[in-house]
Protein backbone atom coordinates (compact mmCIF):
# COMPACT_ATOMS: atom_id res chain seq x y z
CA UNK A 1 -109.66 -17.42 66.16
CA UNK A 2 -109.58 -21.13 67.81
CA UNK A 3 -109.47 -22.10 71.22
CA UNK A 4 -107.62 -24.73 72.37
CA UNK A 5 -109.07 -27.19 75.21
CA UNK A 6 -108.69 -30.58 76.64
CA UNK A 7 -110.15 -33.49 76.45
CA UNK A 8 -111.57 -33.52 79.80
CA UNK A 9 -113.28 -29.36 79.19
CA UNK A 10 -114.48 -31.35 76.39
CA UNK A 11 -116.14 -34.30 77.98
CA UNK A 12 -117.31 -31.67 80.78
CA UNK A 13 -118.85 -29.36 77.88
CA UNK A 14 -120.87 -32.49 76.23
CA UNK A 15 -122.17 -33.97 79.43
CA UNK A 16 -123.23 -30.62 80.35
CA UNK A 17 -125.15 -30.51 76.63
CA UNK A 18 -126.44 -34.25 76.93
CA UNK A 19 -127.71 -32.87 80.50
CA UNK A 20 -129.75 -29.94 78.73
CA UNK A 21 -130.91 -32.32 76.58
CA UNK A 22 -132.19 -34.78 78.61
CA UNK A 23 -133.96 -31.78 80.23
CA UNK A 24 -135.33 -30.57 76.98
CA UNK A 25 -136.66 -34.24 75.72
CA UNK A 26 -138.29 -34.49 78.86
CA UNK A 27 -140.11 -31.12 78.65
CA UNK A 28 -140.66 -32.29 74.74
CA UNK A 29 -142.32 -35.69 75.50
CA UNK A 30 -144.68 -34.31 78.21
CA UNK A 31 -145.46 -30.99 76.31
CA UNK A 32 -146.28 -33.48 73.28
CA UNK A 33 -148.39 -35.56 75.48
CA UNK A 34 -150.21 -32.35 76.55
CA UNK A 35 -150.78 -30.76 73.05
CA UNK A 36 -151.99 -33.87 71.92
CA UNK A 37 -154.43 -34.19 74.84
CA UNK A 38 -155.57 -30.90 74.17
CA UNK A 39 -156.20 -30.99 70.09
CA UNK A 40 -157.01 -34.85 70.00
CA UNK A 41 -160.83 -33.86 70.65
CA UNK A 42 -161.04 -31.17 68.47
CA UNK A 43 -159.58 -32.91 65.35
CA UNK A 44 -161.38 -35.97 65.89
CA UNK A 45 -164.67 -33.89 65.73
CA UNK A 46 -164.65 -32.23 62.90
CA UNK A 47 -167.09 -34.70 60.87
CA UNK A 48 -169.16 -34.78 63.79
CA UNK A 49 -173.02 -33.46 62.65
CA UNK A 50 -175.01 -30.77 64.09
CA UNK A 51 -178.11 -31.32 66.18
CA UNK A 52 -180.84 -29.59 67.93
CA UNK A 53 -180.29 -29.45 71.58
CA UNK A 54 -183.13 -28.27 74.56
CA UNK A 55 -181.34 -26.94 78.29
CA UNK A 56 -182.60 -29.03 80.69
CA UNK A 57 -180.35 -27.01 83.28
CA UNK A 58 -177.51 -24.87 83.32
CA UNK A 59 -175.72 -23.16 86.32
CA UNK A 60 -172.47 -21.43 85.92
CA UNK A 61 -169.92 -22.72 88.44
CA UNK A 62 -167.24 -20.34 90.00
CA UNK A 63 -163.80 -21.44 90.80
CA UNK A 64 -161.71 -18.71 93.33
CA UNK A 65 -157.82 -19.06 92.75
CA UNK A 66 -155.40 -17.24 94.57
CA UNK A 67 -152.53 -16.34 93.14
CA UNK A 68 -150.14 -16.03 96.28
CA UNK A 69 -148.89 -17.84 99.59
CA UNK A 70 -150.89 -15.22 101.63
CA UNK A 71 -154.28 -15.41 99.38
CA UNK A 72 -153.53 -11.85 98.41
CA UNK A 73 -154.72 -11.68 95.57
CA UNK A 74 -158.03 -14.01 94.50
CA UNK A 75 -159.04 -14.34 91.00
CA UNK A 76 -162.51 -15.78 90.47
CA UNK A 77 -162.55 -18.16 87.62
CA UNK A 78 -166.13 -19.74 85.70
CA UNK A 79 -167.11 -22.65 83.65
CA UNK A 80 -170.93 -23.26 82.66
CA UNK A 81 -172.43 -26.68 83.72
CA UNK A 82 -175.29 -28.08 81.76
CA UNK A 83 -177.62 -31.05 80.99
CA UNK A 84 -178.98 -30.82 77.49
CA UNK A 85 -181.41 -33.20 75.99
CA UNK A 86 -181.18 -34.26 71.95
CA UNK A 87 -183.09 -36.67 69.64
CA UNK A 88 -180.88 -39.09 67.24
CA UNK A 89 -182.35 -41.22 64.64
CA UNK A 90 -185.60 -41.53 67.00
CA UNK A 91 -184.26 -41.97 70.49
CA UNK A 92 -183.29 -39.26 73.25
CA UNK A 93 -179.98 -38.58 74.41
CA UNK A 94 -178.88 -36.72 77.09
CA UNK A 95 -175.38 -34.19 77.50
CA UNK A 96 -173.39 -32.58 79.69
CA UNK A 97 -169.97 -32.22 77.54
CA UNK A 98 -169.95 -28.21 76.75
CA UNK A 99 -165.79 -28.14 75.63
CA UNK A 100 -163.18 -30.79 74.87
CA UNK A 101 -161.57 -29.11 78.25
CA UNK A 102 -162.50 -28.76 81.88
CA UNK A 103 -161.40 -25.07 81.93
CA UNK A 104 -162.12 -21.89 83.93
CA UNK A 105 -161.82 -18.72 82.84
CA UNK A 106 -163.19 -15.40 82.83
CA UNK A 107 -163.23 -15.03 79.35
CA UNK A 108 -164.91 -17.28 76.80
CA UNK A 109 -166.31 -19.38 79.33
CA UNK A 110 -168.27 -16.90 81.40
CA UNK A 111 -169.75 -15.74 77.85
CA UNK A 112 -170.33 -18.96 76.92
CA UNK A 113 -172.22 -19.25 80.09
CA UNK A 114 -174.13 -15.84 79.72
CA UNK A 115 -175.21 -16.69 76.01
CA UNK A 116 -176.63 -20.16 77.57
CA UNK A 117 -178.21 -18.26 80.11
CA UNK A 118 -180.01 -16.00 77.94
CA UNK A 119 -181.04 -19.18 75.43
CA UNK A 120 -182.09 -21.48 78.67
CA UNK A 121 -184.63 -18.10 79.37
CA UNK A 122 -186.05 -17.75 76.28
CA UNK A 123 -186.52 -21.81 75.75
CA UNK A 124 -184.34 -21.48 72.58
CA UNK A 125 -182.78 -24.39 71.11
CA UNK A 126 -178.94 -24.37 70.53
CA UNK A 127 -176.42 -26.29 68.07
CA UNK A 128 -174.33 -29.37 69.80
CA UNK A 129 -172.28 -31.82 67.60
CA UNK A 130 -173.00 -35.46 68.25
CA UNK A 131 -170.61 -38.51 66.86
CA UNK A 132 -171.66 -40.18 63.62
CA UNK A 133 -170.57 -42.99 65.16
CA UNK A 134 -171.17 -43.15 68.82
CA UNK A 135 -174.55 -41.48 69.28
CA UNK A 136 -174.22 -40.84 72.86
CA UNK A 137 -171.29 -38.59 72.72
CA UNK A 138 -172.04 -35.13 71.92
CA UNK A 139 -170.42 -31.81 72.70
CA UNK A 140 -171.06 -28.14 72.42
CA UNK A 141 -168.34 -26.25 71.35
CA UNK A 142 -166.09 -28.84 69.25
CA UNK A 143 -163.35 -25.79 68.28
CA UNK A 144 -160.53 -25.58 69.67
CA UNK A 145 -160.03 -22.87 72.30
CA UNK A 146 -156.68 -20.86 71.56
CA UNK A 147 -155.95 -19.19 74.36
CA UNK A 148 -156.30 -21.58 76.65
CA UNK A 149 -153.70 -23.71 74.26
CA UNK A 150 -151.54 -20.66 73.23
CA UNK A 151 -149.21 -20.57 76.33
CA UNK A 152 -148.84 -24.74 75.86
CA UNK A 153 -148.25 -23.92 72.42
CA UNK A 154 -145.38 -21.76 73.17
CA UNK A 155 -143.90 -23.80 75.67
CA UNK A 156 -144.06 -26.50 73.52
CA UNK A 157 -141.94 -24.80 70.57
CA UNK A 158 -139.80 -23.61 73.40
CA UNK A 159 -138.63 -27.28 74.46
CA UNK A 160 -138.51 -28.42 70.96
CA UNK A 161 -136.17 -25.65 70.31
CA UNK A 162 -133.99 -26.13 73.08
CA UNK A 163 -134.04 -29.88 71.77
CA UNK A 164 -132.92 -28.73 68.59
CA UNK A 165 -130.57 -26.55 69.43
CA UNK A 166 -128.49 -29.12 71.67
CA UNK A 167 -128.54 -32.09 69.22
CA UNK A 168 -127.37 -29.27 67.00
CA UNK A 169 -124.24 -28.21 69.16
CA UNK A 170 -123.86 -32.29 70.00
CA UNK A 171 -122.94 -33.16 66.37
CA UNK A 172 -121.76 -29.72 64.78
CA UNK A 173 -119.61 -28.00 67.75
CA UNK A 174 -118.35 -30.20 70.36
CA UNK A 175 -117.24 -33.35 67.76
């Protein structure tokens, strides 16, 4: 069944699809930047060398978040804050970077904080990763923490899907 439309209706339909495509393009650009920021650090550190470090200072920072305007629901989120010492090529360095993202949660980061507290109390060394090109740059956890990236990736893929769908509509359906 073919539906006849006049030029004015076709023009309005194209404008609507252009608008949706423009909004999707903005989302694609914004979320591409965010995905790049979340993945660039872990990817760039794939060739960093492991090294032993000693904890100098450690505490678990708390952040209380409110989910409603009238503060009916509150959640406490955590992140470990550290200072550690390591030696590379006979030179001593101090590091503070735990992960590639400054994140708070009540899962991975809280567990990491408790594990570090246990090692700190026992005086055990732990592994860090040192940039071979700049020994002053180090990180404790160089992997991607997927529980913090997954929501971002879902929205990123949805925005790409909407953009591609609107381009498909413009190119093949609204000739």
